[in-house]
PDB file of N, CA and C in Angstrom:
ATOM      1  N   MET A   1      97.681  92.769 120.735  1.00  0.00           N
ATOM      2  CA  MET A   1      98.622  93.307 119.725  1.00  0.00           C
ATOM      3  C   MET A   1      98.016  94.178 118.508  1.00  0.00           C
ATOM      4  N   THR A   2      98.941  95.253 118.426  1.00  0.00           N
ATOM      5  CA  THR A   2      98.207  96.122 117.691  1.00  0.00           C
ATOM      6  C   THR A   2      98.002  95.505 116.420  1.00  0.00           C
ATOM      7  N   PHE A   3      97.168  96.943 115.348  1.00  0.00           N
ATOM      8  CA  PHE A   3      96.967  96.522 114.049  1.00  0.00           C
ATOM      9  C   PHE A   3      98.336  96.549 113.599  1.00  0.00           C
ATOM     10  N   GLN A   4      99.035  97.567 113.455  1.00  0.00           N
ATOM     11  CA  GLN A   4     100.110  97.382 112.520  1.00  0.00           C
ATOM     12  C   GLN A   4     101.390  95.904 113.042  1.00  0.00           C
ATOM     13  N   GLN A   5     101.278  95.492 113.947  1.00  0.00           N
ATOM     14  CA  GLN A   5     101.921  93.926 114.651  1.00  0.00           C
ATOM     15  C   GLN A   5     101.415  93.357 114.096  1.00  0.00           C
ATOM     16  N   SER A   6      99.896  93.115 114.065  1.00  0.00           N
ATOM     17  CA  SER A   6      99.154  92.343 113.229  1.00  0.00           C
ATOM     18  C   SER A   6      99.400  92.092 111.716  1.00  0.00           C
ATOM     19  N   LEU A   7      99.561  92.913 111.113  1.00  0.00           N
ATOM     20  CA  LEU A   7      99.974  93.304 109.369  1.00  0.00           C
ATOM     21  C   LEU A   7     100.935  92.823 109.541  1.00  0.00           C
ATOM     22  N   THR A   8     101.932  93.055 109.873  1.00  0.00           N
ATOM     23  CA  THR A   8     103.629  92.975 109.974  1.00  0.00           C
ATOM     24  C   THR A   8     103.490  90.942 110.358  1.00  0.00           C
ATOM     25  N   ARG A   9     103.056  90.602 111.176  1.00  0.00           N
ATOM     26  CA  ARG A   9     102.635  89.548 111.323  1.00  0.00           C
ATOM     27  C   ARG A   9     102.659  88.595 110.243  1.00  0.00           C
ATOM     28  N   HIS A  10     101.254  88.826 109.665  1.00  0.00           N
ATOM     29  CA  HIS A  10     100.298  88.588 108.370  1.00  0.00           C
ATOM     30  C   HIS A  10     101.752  88.324 107.699  1.00  0.00           C
ATOM     31  N   LEU A  11     101.960  89.490 107.205  1.00  0.00           N
ATOM     32  CA  LEU A  11     103.082  89.643 106.115  1.00  0.00           C
ATOM     33  C   LEU A  11     104.550  88.704 105.934  1.00  0.00           C
ATOM     34  N   LYS A  12     104.787  88.483 107.390  1.00  0.00           N
ATOM     35  CA  LYS A  12     106.272  87.981 107.777  1.00  0.00           C
ATOM     36  C   LYS A  12     105.823  86.597 107.486  1.00  0.00           C
ATOM     37  N   ALA A  13     104.628  86.318 108.070  1.00  0.00           N
ATOM     38  CA  ALA A  13     104.204  84.710 107.400  1.00  0.00           C
ATOM     39  C   ALA A  13     104.258  84.152 106.246  1.00  0.00           C
ATOM     40  N   ILE A  14     103.660  84.982 105.713  1.00  0.00           N
ATOM     41  CA  ILE A  14     103.812  85.048 104.046  1.00  0.00           C
ATOM     42  C   ILE A  14     105.374  84.693 103.818  1.00  0.00           C
ATOM     43  N   GLN A  15     105.921  86.007 104.297  1.00  0.00           N
ATOM     44  CA  GLN A  15     107.295  85.294 103.382  1.00  0.00           C
ATOM     45  C   GLN A  15     108.173  84.683 103.574  1.00  0.00           C
ATOM     46  N   ASN A  16     108.150  84.028 105.140  1.00  0.00           N
ATOM     47  CA  ASN A  16     108.692  83.102 106.027  1.00  0.00           C
ATOM     48  C   ASN A  16     107.845  81.818 105.329  1.00  0.00           C
ATOM     49  N   ARG A  17     106.988  81.667 104.293  1.00  0.00           N
ATOM     50  CA  ARG A  17     105.997  80.602 104.173  1.00  0.00           C
ATOM     51  C   ARG A  17     106.146  79.554 105.673  1.00  0.00           C
ATOM     52  N   ASP A  18     105.368  80.445 106.522  1.00  0.00           N
ATOM     53  CA  ASP A  18     104.905  80.204 107.940  1.00  0.00           C
ATOM     54  C   ASP A  18     103.055  79.700 108.208  1.00  0.00           C
ATOM     55  N   LEU A  19     103.198  78.382 107.654  1.00  0.00           N
ATOM     56  CA  LEU A  19     101.785  77.680 107.489  1.00  0.00           C
ATOM     57  C   LEU A  19     101.117  78.367 108.733  1.00  0.00           C
ATOM     58  N   ASN A  20     101.065  77.958 109.906  1.00  0.00           N
ATOM     59  CA  ASN A  20     101.239  77.996 111.130  1.00  0.00           C
ATOM     60  C   ASN A  20     101.017  79.032 111.985  1.00  0.00           C
ATOM     61  N   THR A  21     101.937  80.119 111.595  1.00  0.00           N
ATOM     62  CA  THR A  21     101.723  81.396 111.949  1.00  0.00           C
ATOM     63  C   THR A  21     100.961  81.908 111.099  1.00  0.00           C
ATOM     64  N   PHE A  22     100.895  81.738 109.774  1.00  0.00           N
ATOM     65  CA  PHE A  22      99.585  82.716 108.916  1.00  0.00           C
ATOM     66  C   PHE A  22      98.009  81.983 109.259  1.00  0.00           C
ATOM     67  N   LEU A  23      98.112  80.639 109.267  1.00  0.00           N
ATOM     68  CA  LEU A  23      96.524  80.218 110.113  1.00  0.00           C
ATOM     69  C   LEU A  23      96.095  81.219 111.417  1.00  0.00           C
ATOM     70  N   LYS A  24      97.056  81.651 111.928  1.00  0.00           N
ATOM     71  CA  LYS A  24      96.379  82.095 113.464  1.00  0.00           C
ATOM     72  C   LYS A  24      96.271  83.752 112.720  1.00  0.00           C
ATOM     73  N   THR A  25      96.608  84.339 111.605  1.00  0.00           N
ATOM     74  CA  THR A  25      96.208  85.631 111.405  1.00  0.00           C
ATOM     75  C   THR A  25      95.378  85.689 110.354  1.00  0.00           C
ATOM     76  N   ILE A  26      94.326  84.832 110.209  1.00  0.00           N
ATOM     77  CA  ILE A  26      93.386  85.072 109.338  1.00  0.00           C
ATOM     78  C   ILE A  26      91.840  84.057 110.086  1.00  0.00           C
ATOM     79  N   ALA A  27      90.523  84.947 110.253  1.00  0.00           N
ATOM     80  CA  ALA A  27      89.783  84.520 110.299  1.00  0.00           C
ATOM     81  C   ALA A  27      89.394  83.014 110.059  1.00  0.00           C
ATOM     82  N   ASN A  28      89.041  82.203 111.161  1.00  0.00           N
ATOM     83  CA  ASN A  28      87.957  80.976 110.669  1.00  0.00           C
ATOM     84  C   ASN A  28      86.871  80.689 110.597  1.00  0.00           C
ATOM     85  N   ASP A  29      85.911  81.142 111.302  1.00  0.00           N
ATOM     86  CA  ASP A  29      84.612  81.418 111.522  1.00  0.00           C
ATOM     87  C   ASP A  29      83.758  81.901 110.589  1.00  0.00           C
ATOM     88  N   GLY A  30      83.964  81.836 109.139  1.00  0.00           N
ATOM     89  CA  GLY A  30      83.089  82.101 108.191  1.00  0.00           C
ATOM     90  C   GLY A  30      83.327  83.295 107.594  1.00  0.00           C
ATOM     91  N   ARG A  31      83.844  84.138 107.947  1.00  0.00           N
ATOM     92  CA  ARG A  31      83.948  85.458 107.296  1.00  0.00           C
ATOM     93  C   ARG A  31      84.750  85.855 106.332  1.00  0.00           C
ATOM     94  N   LEU A  32      86.099  85.127 106.601  1.00  0.00           N
ATOM     95  CA  LEU A  32      87.049  85.055 105.210  1.00  0.00           C
ATOM     96  C   LEU A  32      86.423  84.761 104.276  1.00  0.00           C
ATOM     97  N   THR A  33      87.066  86.198 103.128  1.00  0.00           N
ATOM     98  CA  THR A  33      86.777  85.439 101.779  1.00  0.00           C
ATOM     99  C   THR A  33      88.172  86.162 101.076  1.00  0.00           C
ATOM    100  N   LEU A  34      88.564  85.617  99.895  1.00  0.00           N
ATOM    101  CA  LEU A  34      89.793  85.758  99.558  1.00  0.00           C
ATOM    102  C   LEU A  34      89.794  85.693  98.031  1.00  0.00           C
ATOM    103  N   ILE A  35      90.526  86.452  97.607  1.00  0.00           N
ATOM    104  CA  ILE A  35      89.832  86.953  95.821  1.00  0.00           C
ATOM    105  C   ILE A  35      91.458  86.754  94.957  1.00  0.00           C
ATOM    106  N   MET A  36      91.621  86.067  94.453  1.00  0.00           N
ATOM    107  CA  MET A  36      92.875  86.068  93.422  1.00  0.00           C
ATOM    108  C   MET A  36      92.974  86.865  92.652  1.00  0.00           C
ATOM    109  N   PRO A  37      94.171  87.099  92.399  1.00  0.00           N
ATOM    110  CA  PRO A  37      94.313  88.178  91.034  1.00  0.00           C
ATOM    111  C   PRO A  37      93.558  87.715  89.645  1.00  0.00           C
ATOM    112  N   ASN A  38      93.078  86.342  89.561  1.00  0.00           N
ATOM    113  CA  ASN A  38      92.017  86.030  88.135  1.00  0.00           C
ATOM    114  C   ASN A  38      90.896  86.159  88.383  1.00  0.00           C
ATOM    115  N   GLY A  39      90.422  87.008  89.967  1.00  0.00           N
ATOM    116  CA  GLY A  39      89.206  86.764  90.328  1.00  0.00           C
ATOM    117  C   GLY A  39      88.224  85.822  90.869  1.00  0.00           C
ATOM    118  N   SER A  40      89.196  84.679  90.876  1.00  0.00           N
ATOM    119  CA  SER A  40      88.493  83.562  91.738  1.00  0.00           C
ATOM    120  C   SER A  40      88.287  84.067  92.839  1.00  0.00           C
ATOM    121  N   LEU A  41      86.973  83.458  93.656  1.00  0.00           N
ATOM    122  CA  LEU A  41      86.317  83.567  94.965  1.00  0.00           C
ATOM    123  C   LEU A  41      86.467  82.606  95.732  1.00  0.00           C
ATOM    124  N   TRP A  42      87.182  82.988  97.071  1.00  0.00           N
ATOM    125  CA  TRP A  42      87.637  81.950  97.943  1.00  0.00           C
ATOM    126  C   TRP A  42      87.009  82.345  99.434  1.00  0.00           C
ATOM    127  N   GLN A  43      86.221  81.211 100.091  1.00  0.00           N
ATOM    128  CA  GLN A  43      85.358  81.643 101.341  1.00  0.00           C
ATOM    129  C   GLN A  43      85.549  79.998 101.814  1.00  0.00           C
ATOM    130  N   ASP A  44      86.091  78.923 101.856  1.00  0.00           N
ATOM    131  CA  ASP A  44      85.917  78.099 102.717  1.00  0.00           C
ATOM    132  C   ASP A  44      87.348  78.064 103.247  1.00  0.00           C
ATOM    133  N   TYR A  45      87.461  78.168 104.531  1.00  0.00           N
ATOM    134  CA  TYR A  45      88.742  78.197 105.608  1.00  0.00           C
ATOM    135  C   TYR A  45      89.453  77.050 104.957  1.00  0.00           C
ATOM    136  N   ALA A  46      89.040  75.875 105.198  1.00  0.00           N
ATOM    137  CA  ALA A  46      90.106  74.694 104.781  1.00  0.00           C
ATOM    138  C   ALA A  46      90.421  74.460 103.330  1.00  0.00           C
ATOM    139  N   ASP A  47      89.566  75.111 102.313  1.00  0.00           N
ATOM    140  CA  ASP A  47      90.538  75.304 100.708  1.00  0.00           C
ATOM    141  C   ASP A  47      91.604  76.746 100.889  1.00  0.00           C
ATOM    142  N   ILE A  48      91.378  77.995 101.554  1.00  0.00           N
ATOM    143  CA  ILE A  48      92.448  78.268 101.587  1.00  0.00           C
ATOM    144  C   ILE A  48      93.532  77.928 102.695  1.00  0.00           C
ATOM    145  N   ALA A  49      92.695  77.326 103.749  1.00  0.00           N
ATOM    146  CA  ALA A  49      94.300  77.024 104.499  1.00  0.00           C
ATOM    147  C   ALA A  49      95.058  75.961 103.717  1.00  0.00           C
ATOM    148  N   GLU A  50      94.316  74.807 102.657  1.00  0.00           N
ATOM    149  CA  GLU A  50      95.398  74.042 102.064  1.00  0.00           C
ATOM    150  C   GLU A  50      95.678  74.815 100.718  1.00  0.00           C
ATOM    151  N   LEU A  51      94.890  75.953  99.958  1.00  0.00           N
ATOM    152  CA  LEU A  51      95.610  76.802  99.053  1.00  0.00           C
ATOM    153  C   LEU A  51      97.039  77.077  99.539  1.00  0.00           C
ATOM    154  N   HIS A  52      97.156  77.983 100.846  1.00  0.00           N
ATOM    155  CA  HIS A  52      98.303  77.740 101.063  1.00  0.00           C
ATOM    156  C   HIS A  52      99.526  77.038 101.470  1.00  0.00           C
ATOM    157  N   ARG A  53      98.860  76.544 101.782  1.00  0.00           N
ATOM    158  CA  ARG A  53     100.169  75.222 102.697  1.00  0.00           C
ATOM    159  C   ARG A  53     100.663  74.790 101.046  1.00  0.00           C
ATOM    160  N   GLU A  54     100.242  74.639 100.278  1.00  0.00           N
ATOM    161  CA  GLU A  54     100.739  73.975  98.775  1.00  0.00           C
ATOM    162  C   GLU A  54     101.547  75.431  98.066  1.00  0.00           C
ATOM    163  N   TRP A  55     101.088  76.733  98.006  1.00  0.00           N
ATOM    164  CA  TRP A  55     101.891  77.635  98.037  1.00  0.00           C
ATOM    165  C   TRP A  55     102.924  77.451  98.666  1.00  0.00           C
ATOM    166  N   PHE A  56     102.997  77.586 100.282  1.00  0.00           N
ATOM    167  CA  PHE A  56     104.319  77.795 101.209  1.00  0.00           C
ATOM    168  C   PHE A  56     105.022  76.204 100.654  1.00  0.00           C
ATOM    169  N   ALA A  57     104.551  75.785  99.788  1.00  0.00           N
ATOM    170  CA  ALA A  57     105.725  74.240 100.338  1.00  0.00           C
ATOM    171  C   ALA A  57     106.618  74.895  98.447  1.00  0.00           C
ATOM    172  N   ASP A  58     105.878  75.767  97.814  1.00  0.00           N
ATOM    173  CA  ASP A  58     106.436  75.975  96.589  1.00  0.00           C
ATOM    174  C   ASP A  58     107.929  76.840  96.755  1.00  0.00           C
ATOM    175  N   PRO A  59     108.693  76.745  96.523  1.00  0.00           N
ATOM    176  CA  PRO A  59     110.345  77.013  97.359  1.00  0.00           C
ATOM    177  C   PRO A  59     111.309  78.706  95.952  1.00  0.00           C
ATOM    178  N   ASP A  60     110.034  78.505  95.131  1.00  0.00           N
ATOM    179  CA  ASP A  60     110.547  79.518  93.966  1.00  0.00           C
ATOM    180  C   ASP A  60     110.640  80.756  93.983  1.00  0.00           C
ATOM    181  N   TRP A  61     109.168  80.981  94.440  1.00  0.00           N
ATOM    182  CA  TRP A  61     108.308  82.396  94.530  1.00  0.00           C
ATOM    183  C   TRP A  61     109.354  83.158  95.371  1.00  0.00           C
ATOM    184  N   GLN A  62     109.187  84.286  95.514  1.00  0.00           N
ATOM    185  CA  GLN A  62     109.546  85.787  96.313  1.00  0.00           C
ATOM    186  C   GLN A  62     108.891  86.867  96.239  1.00  0.00           C
ATOM    187  N   MET A  63     108.188  87.506  97.120  1.00  0.00           N
ATOM    188  CA  MET A  63     107.711  88.623  96.986  1.00  0.00           C
ATOM    189  C   MET A  63     107.973  89.429  97.994  1.00  0.00           C
ATOM    190  N   THR A  64     108.054  90.912  97.260  1.00  0.00           N
ATOM    191  CA  THR A  64     108.111  91.752  98.228  1.00  0.00           C
ATOM    192  C   THR A  64     107.342  92.930  98.440  1.00  0.00           C
ATOM    193  N   THR A  65     106.692  93.825  99.393  1.00  0.00           N
ATOM    194  CA  THR A  65     105.888  94.453  99.880  1.00  0.00           C
ATOM    195  C   THR A  65     106.211  96.069  99.998  1.00  0.00           C
ATOM    196  N   GLU A  66     105.154  96.765  99.532  1.00  0.00           N
ATOM    197  CA  GLU A  66     105.523  97.984  99.613  1.00  0.00           C
ATOM    198  C   GLU A  66     104.159  98.680 100.370  1.00  0.00           C
ATOM    199  N   LEU A  67     103.833  99.388 101.396  1.00  0.00           N
ATOM    200  CA  LEU A  67     102.712  99.807 102.017  1.00  0.00           C
ATOM    201  C   LEU A  67     102.616 100.827 101.434  1.00  0.00           C
ATOM    202  N   LEU A  68     101.277 100.704 100.946  1.00  0.00           N
ATOM    203  CA  LEU A  68     100.967 101.928 100.024  1.00  0.00           C
ATOM    204  C   LEU A  68      99.652 103.041 101.103  1.00  0.00           C
ATOM    205  N   THR A  69      99.047 102.435 102.153  1.00  0.00           N
ATOM    206  CA  THR A  69      97.748 103.172 102.882  1.00  0.00           C
ATOM    207  C   THR A  69      97.462 102.264 104.323  1.00  0.00           C
ATOM    208  N   THR A  70      97.144 102.814 105.052  1.00  0.00           N
ATOM    209  CA  THR A  70      96.368 102.260 105.945  1.00  0.00           C
ATOM    210  C   THR A  70      95.535 102.809 106.882  1.00  0.00           C
ATOM    211  N   HIS A  71      94.503 102.528 106.999  1.00  0.00           N
ATOM    212  CA  HIS A  71      93.670 103.135 107.779  1.00  0.00           C
ATOM    213  C   HIS A  71      92.655 101.870 108.860  1.00  0.00           C
ATOM    214  N   GLU A  72      92.644 102.723 110.079  1.00  0.00           N
ATOM    215  CA  GLU A  72      91.942 102.096 111.884  1.00  0.00           C
ATOM    216  C   GLU A  72      91.428 102.267 112.342  1.00  0.00           C
ATOM    217  N   ALA A  73      90.454 101.891 112.117  1.00  0.00           N
ATOM    218  CA  ALA A  73      89.351 102.190 113.567  1.00  0.00           C
ATOM    219  C   ALA A  73      89.016 101.546 114.314  1.00  0.00           C
ATOM    220  N   ALA A  74      87.834 101.909 115.045  1.00  0.00           N
ATOM    221  CA  ALA A  74      88.321 100.579 116.789  1.00  0.00           C
ATOM    222  C   ALA A  74      88.057  99.301 116.475  1.00  0.00           C
ATOM    223  N   GLU A  75      87.414  98.647 115.114  1.00  0.00           N
ATOM    224  CA  GLU A  75      86.860  97.362 115.313  1.00  0.00           C
ATOM    225  C   GLU A  75      87.524  96.892 113.823  1.00  0.00           C
ATOM    226  N   MET A  76      87.618  97.529 113.156  1.00  0.00           N
ATOM    227  CA  MET A  76      87.950  97.448 111.478  1.00  0.00           C
ATOM    228  C   MET A  76      89.873  98.220 110.983  1.00  0.00           C
ATOM    229  N   ALA A  77      90.238  97.332 110.276  1.00  0.00           N
ATOM    230  CA  ALA A  77      91.588  98.415 109.741  1.00  0.00           C
ATOM    231  C   ALA A  77      91.727  98.033 108.053  1.00  0.00           C
ATOM    232  N   SER A  78      92.129  98.009 107.590  1.00  0.00           N
ATOM    233  CA  SER A  78      92.853  97.887 106.424  1.00  0.00           C
ATOM    234  C   SER A  78      94.013  98.552 106.026  1.00  0.00           C
ATOM    235  N   ALA A  79      94.838  97.793 104.798  1.00  0.00           N
ATOM    236  CA  ALA A  79      95.685  97.673 104.450  1.00  0.00           C
ATOM    237  C   ALA A  79      95.308  97.805 102.743  1.00  0.00           C
ATOM    238  N   LEU A  80      96.394  98.902 101.907  1.00  0.00           N
ATOM    239  CA  LEU A  80      97.118  98.427 100.593  1.00  0.00           C
ATOM    240  C   LEU A  80      98.342  98.461 100.429  1.00  0.00           C
ATOM    241  N   LEU A  81      98.693  97.365  99.812  1.00  0.00           N
ATOM    242  CA  LEU A  81     100.086  97.067  99.517  1.00  0.00           C
ATOM    243  C   LEU A  81      99.903  96.884  97.957  1.00  0.00           C
ATOM    244  N   LEU A  82     101.488  97.260  97.506  1.00  0.00           N
ATOM    245  CA  LEU A  82     101.922  96.827  96.132  1.00  0.00           C
ATOM    246  C   LEU A  82     102.615  95.654  96.685  1.00  0.00           C
ATOM    247  N   VAL A  83     102.673  94.729  95.724  1.00  0.00           N
ATOM    248  CA  VAL A  83     103.417  93.475  95.619  1.00  0.00           C
ATOM    249  C   VAL A  83     104.229  93.333  94.793  1.00  0.00           C
ATOM    250  N   ASN A  84     105.731  93.032  94.337  1.00  0.00           N
ATOM    251  CA  ASN A  84     106.114  92.777  93.543  1.00  0.00           C
ATOM    252  C   ASN A  84     106.576  90.906  93.891  1.00  0.00           C
ATOM    253  N   TYR A  85     105.844  90.008  92.603  1.00  0.00           N
ATOM    254  CA  TYR A  85     106.358  89.050  93.033  1.00  0.00           C
ATOM    255  C   TYR A  85     107.100  88.096  91.808  1.00  0.00           C
ATOM    256  N   THR A  86     107.605  87.178  92.576  1.00  0.00           N
ATOM    257  CA  THR A  86     108.684  86.461  91.152  1.00  0.00           C
ATOM    258  C   THR A  86     109.033  85.309  91.788  1.00  0.00           C
ATOM    259  N   ASP A  87     108.751  84.362  90.422  1.00  0.00           N
ATOM    260  CA  ASP A  87     108.517  82.995  90.265  1.00  0.00           C
ATOM    261  C   ASP A  87     109.039  82.353  89.040  1.00  0.00           C
ATOM    262  N   VAL A  88     108.798  81.029  88.924  1.00  0.00           N
ATOM    263  CA  VAL A  88     109.304  80.503  87.530  1.00  0.00           C
ATOM    264  C   VAL A  88     107.885  79.879  86.930  1.00  0.00           C
ATOM    265  N   ASP A  89     107.665  79.903  85.598  1.00  0.00           N
ATOM    266  CA  ASP A  89     107.302  78.907  85.130  1.00  0.00           C
ATOM    267  C   ASP A  89     107.331  77.654  84.848  1.00  0.00           C
ATOM    268  N   MET A  90     106.209  76.594  84.485  1.00  0.00           N
ATOM    269  CA  MET A  90     106.296  75.257  84.258  1.00  0.00           C
ATOM    270  C   MET A  90     107.810  74.933  83.848  1.00  0.00           C
ATOM    271  N   GLU A  91     108.156  75.448  82.307  1.00  0.00           N
ATOM    272  CA  GLU A  91     109.224  75.178  82.021  1.00  0.00           C
ATOM    273  C   GLU A  91     110.656  75.926  82.709  1.00  0.00           C
ATOM    274  N   GLY A  92     110.360  76.665  83.371  1.00  0.00           N
ATOM    275  CA  GLY A  92     111.854  77.326  84.385  1.00  0.00           C
ATOM    276  C   GLY A  92     111.979  78.553  84.158  1.00  0.00           C
ATOM    277  N   ALA A  93     111.247  79.120  83.386  1.00  0.00           N
ATOM    278  CA  ALA A  93     111.452  80.591  83.323  1.00  0.00           C
ATOM    279  C   ALA A  93     111.027  81.071  84.221  1.00  0.00           C
ATOM    280  N   PRO A  94     111.887  82.677  84.139  1.00  0.00           N
ATOM    281  CA  PRO A  94     111.594  83.646  85.322  1.00  0.00           C
ATOM    282  C   PRO A  94     110.244  84.079  84.882  1.00  0.00           C
ATOM    283  N   VAL A  95     109.311  84.659  85.961  1.00  0.00           N
ATOM    284  CA  VAL A  95     108.203  85.514  85.908  1.00  0.00           C
ATOM    285  C   VAL A  95     108.128  86.599  86.842  1.00  0.00           C
ATOM    286  N   GLU A  96     107.814  87.880  86.291  1.00  0.00           N
ATOM    287  CA  GLU A  96     107.833  88.522  87.286  1.00  0.00           C
ATOM    288  C   GLU A  96     106.237  89.292  87.155  1.00  0.00           C
ATOM    289  N   PHE A  97     105.683  89.697  88.430  1.00  0.00           N
ATOM    290  CA  PHE A  97     104.698  90.591  87.802  1.00  0.00           C
ATOM    291  C   PHE A  97     104.401  91.764  89.472  1.00  0.00           C
ATOM    292  N   GLU A  98     103.484  92.437  89.294  1.00  0.00           N
ATOM    293  CA  GLU A  98     103.023  93.037  90.699  1.00  0.00           C
ATOM    294  C   GLU A  98     101.705  93.370  90.357  1.00  0.00           C
ATOM    295  N   TYR A  99     100.862  93.716  92.038  1.00  0.00           N
ATOM    296  CA  TYR A  99      99.568  93.618  91.926  1.00  0.00           C
ATOM    297  C   TYR A  99      99.390  94.258  93.110  1.00  0.00           C
ATOM    298  N   TYR A 100      98.435  94.946  92.944  1.00  0.00           N
ATOM    299  CA  TYR A 100      97.840  95.450  94.776  1.00  0.00           C
ATOM    300  C   TYR A 100      97.077  94.026  95.334  1.00  0.00           C
ATOM    301  N   LEU A 101      97.754  94.275  96.757  1.00  0.00           N
ATOM    302  CA  LEU A 101      97.368  93.944  97.551  1.00  0.00           C
ATOM    303  C   LEU A 101      96.614  94.270  98.985  1.00  0.00           C
ATOM    304  N   HIS A 102      95.018  93.795  99.050  1.00  0.00           N
ATOM    305  CA  HIS A 102      93.701  94.816 100.108  1.00  0.00           C
ATOM    306  C   HIS A 102      93.868  94.058 101.302  1.00  0.00           C
ATOM    307  N   LEU A 103      93.777  94.271 102.093  1.00  0.00           N
ATOM    308  CA  LEU A 103      93.571  93.516 103.678  1.00  0.00           C
ATOM    309  C   LEU A 103      92.812  94.154 104.447  1.00  0.00           C
ATOM    310  N   LEU A 104      91.409  93.526 104.887  1.00  0.00           N
ATOM    311  CA  LEU A 104      90.892  93.735 105.765  1.00  0.00           C
ATOM    312  C   LEU A 104      91.215  93.204 107.037  1.00  0.00           C
ATOM    313  N   PHE A 105      91.286  93.713 108.192  1.00  0.00           N
ATOM    314  CA  PHE A 105      91.477  92.922 109.767  1.00  0.00           C
ATOM    315  C   PHE A 105      90.176  93.787 110.291  1.00  0.00           C
ATOM    316  N   ALA A 106      89.768  92.668 111.167  1.00  0.00           N
ATOM    317  CA  ALA A 106      88.962  92.859 112.224  1.00  0.00           C
ATOM    318  C   ALA A 106      89.015  92.949 113.609  1.00  0.00           C
ATOM    319  N   LYS A 107      89.037  93.571 114.651  1.00  0.00           N
ATOM    320  CA  LYS A 107      89.593  93.547 115.687  1.00  0.00           C
ATOM    321  C   LYS A 107      88.844  92.168 116.406  1.00  0.00           C
ATOM    322  N   GLU A 108      89.535  91.245 117.317  1.00  0.00           N
ATOM    323  CA  GLU A 108      88.918  90.438 117.497  1.00  0.00           C
ATOM    324  C   GLU A 108      89.822  90.157 119.347  1.00  0.00           C
ATOM    325  N   GLY A 109      89.009  90.462 120.326  1.00  0.00           N
ATOM    326  CA  GLY A 109      89.735  90.707 121.363  1.00  0.00           C
ATOM    327  C   GLY A 109      91.041  91.105 121.371  1.00  0.00           C
ATOM    328  N   ASP A 110      92.159  90.708 121.780  1.00  0.00           N
ATOM    329  CA  ASP A 110      93.669  91.689 121.575  1.00  0.00           C
ATOM    330  C   ASP A 110      94.295  91.582 120.281  1.00  0.00           C
ATOM    331  N   GLN A 111      93.739  90.783 119.336  1.00  0.00           N
ATOM    332  CA  GLN A 111      94.010  90.861 117.880  1.00  0.00           C
ATOM    333  C   GLN A 111      93.637  91.410 116.708  1.00  0.00           C
ATOM    334  N   TRP A 112      93.939  91.274 115.986  1.00  0.00           N
ATOM    335  CA  TRP A 112      93.344  91.596 114.833  1.00  0.00           C
ATOM    336  C   TRP A 112      93.523  90.413 113.710  1.00  0.00           C
ATOM    337  N   LEU A 113      92.387  90.101 112.832  1.00  0.00           N
ATOM    338  CA  LEU A 113      92.460  89.052 112.140  1.00  0.00           C
ATOM    339  C   LEU A 113      91.898  89.243 111.100  1.00  0.00           C
ATOM    340  N   VAL A 114      92.566  88.834 109.615  1.00  0.00           N
ATOM    341  CA  VAL A 114      92.397  89.713 108.117  1.00  0.00           C
ATOM    342  C   VAL A 114      90.903  88.288 107.678  1.00  0.00           C
ATOM    343  N   ILE A 115      90.310  89.286 107.683  1.00  0.00           N
ATOM    344  CA  ILE A 115      88.472  88.464 106.829  1.00  0.00           C
ATOM    345  C   ILE A 115      88.241  89.045 105.710  1.00  0.00           C
ATOM    346  N   HIS A 116      89.441  89.810 104.964  1.00  0.00           N
ATOM    347  CA  HIS A 116      89.357  90.087 103.083  1.00  0.00           C
ATOM    348  C   HIS A 116      90.955  90.289 102.771  1.00  0.00           C
ATOM    349  N   ASP A 117      90.979  89.296 101.787  1.00  0.00           N
ATOM    350  CA  ASP A 117      91.939  89.437 100.953  1.00  0.00           C
ATOM    351  C   ASP A 117      92.393  89.215  99.542  1.00  0.00           C
ATOM    352  N   GLN A 118      92.324  90.304  99.046  1.00  0.00           N
ATOM    353  CA  GLN A 118      92.019  91.054  97.401  1.00  0.00           C
ATOM    354  C   GLN A 118      93.569  91.331  96.797  1.00  0.00           C
ATOM    355  N   ASN A 119      93.843  90.652  95.803  1.00  0.00           N
ATOM    356  CA  ASN A 119      94.382  90.550  95.113  1.00  0.00           C
ATOM    357  C   ASN A 119      94.133  91.221  93.591  1.00  0.00           C
ATOM    358  N   THR A 120      94.542  92.336  92.970  1.00  0.00           N
ATOM    359  CA  THR A 120      94.128  93.001  91.601  1.00  0.00           C
ATOM    360  C   THR A 120      95.788  92.973  91.211  1.00  0.00           C
ATOM    361  N   MET A 121      95.725  92.584  89.419  1.00  0.00           N
ATOM    362  CA  MET A 121      96.769  92.589  88.781  1.00  0.00           C
ATOM    363  C   MET A 121      97.299  93.837  88.155  1.00  0.00           C
ATOM    364  N   ILE A 122      98.190  94.076  88.145  1.00  0.00           N
ATOM    365  CA  ILE A 122      98.563  95.302  87.504  1.00  0.00           C
ATOM    366  C   ILE A 122      99.057  94.998  86.215  1.00  0.00           C
ATOM    367  N   GLU A 123      98.069  95.819  85.323  1.00  0.00           N
ATOM    368  CA  GLU A 123      98.962  95.427  83.685  1.00  0.00           C
ATOM    369  C   GLU A 123      99.740  96.479  83.440  1.00  0.00           C
ATOM    370  N   ILE A 124     100.904  95.849  82.777  1.00  0.00           N
ATOM    371  CA  ILE A 124     101.708  96.386  82.481  1.00  0.00           C
ATOM    372  C   ILE A 124     102.053  96.768  80.935  1.00  0.00           C
ATOM    373  N   GLU A 125     102.076  97.867  80.554  1.00  0.00           N
ATOM    374  CA  GLU A 125     101.670  98.244  79.088  1.00  0.00           C
ATOM    375  C   GLU A 125     102.784  97.920  78.278  1.00  0.00           C
ATOM    376  N   SER A 126     102.963  97.632  77.200  1.00  0.00           N
ATOM    377  CA  SER A 126     103.890  97.170  75.988  1.00  0.00           C
ATOM    378  C   SER A 126     104.853  98.695  75.748  1.00  0.00           C
ATOM    379  N   GLU A 127     105.635  98.405  75.518  1.00  0.00           N
ATOM    380  CA  GLU A 127     106.579 100.200  75.054  1.00  0.00           C
ATOM    381  C   GLU A 127     105.768 100.475  73.599  1.00  0.00           C
ATOM    382  N   ASP A 128     105.414  99.356  72.917  1.00  0.00           N
ATOM    383  CA  ASP A 128     104.830  99.929  71.907  1.00  0.00           C
ATOM    384  C   ASP A 128     103.398 100.447  71.574  1.00  0.00           C
ATOM    385  N   GLU A 129     102.665 100.217  73.078  1.00  0.00           N
ATOM    386  CA  GLU A 129     101.337 100.826  73.217  1.00  0.00           C
ATOM    387  C   GLU A 129     101.650 102.584  73.177  1.00  0.00           C
TER     388      GLU A 129
END
């Protein structure tokens, strides 16, 4: 599987809330790091899997991605994406925000696995600033 195919598979697994496929796209050998938009660091595979199980069970969110850049070498590759994310808050009001998603993949045999997933919020300036 090529890097581009692996990236597409990973993103489709998220958009389709397909936990089994998602888990096949991430490293499970202790190398995986996840940095959330609030800066929290996750490094335990089981915790990351549970986080995604709970997230995928939520029917309210939607996300679209725009690929900004990729870099590929023999054993490592990265992708930077712009994500538009919509959801509803606890009161049912719509919430929308954008963030950058940076994914780092390592080549493992004939596949590419995510070893680093970093999410960085984009601050929206108000019109009166």
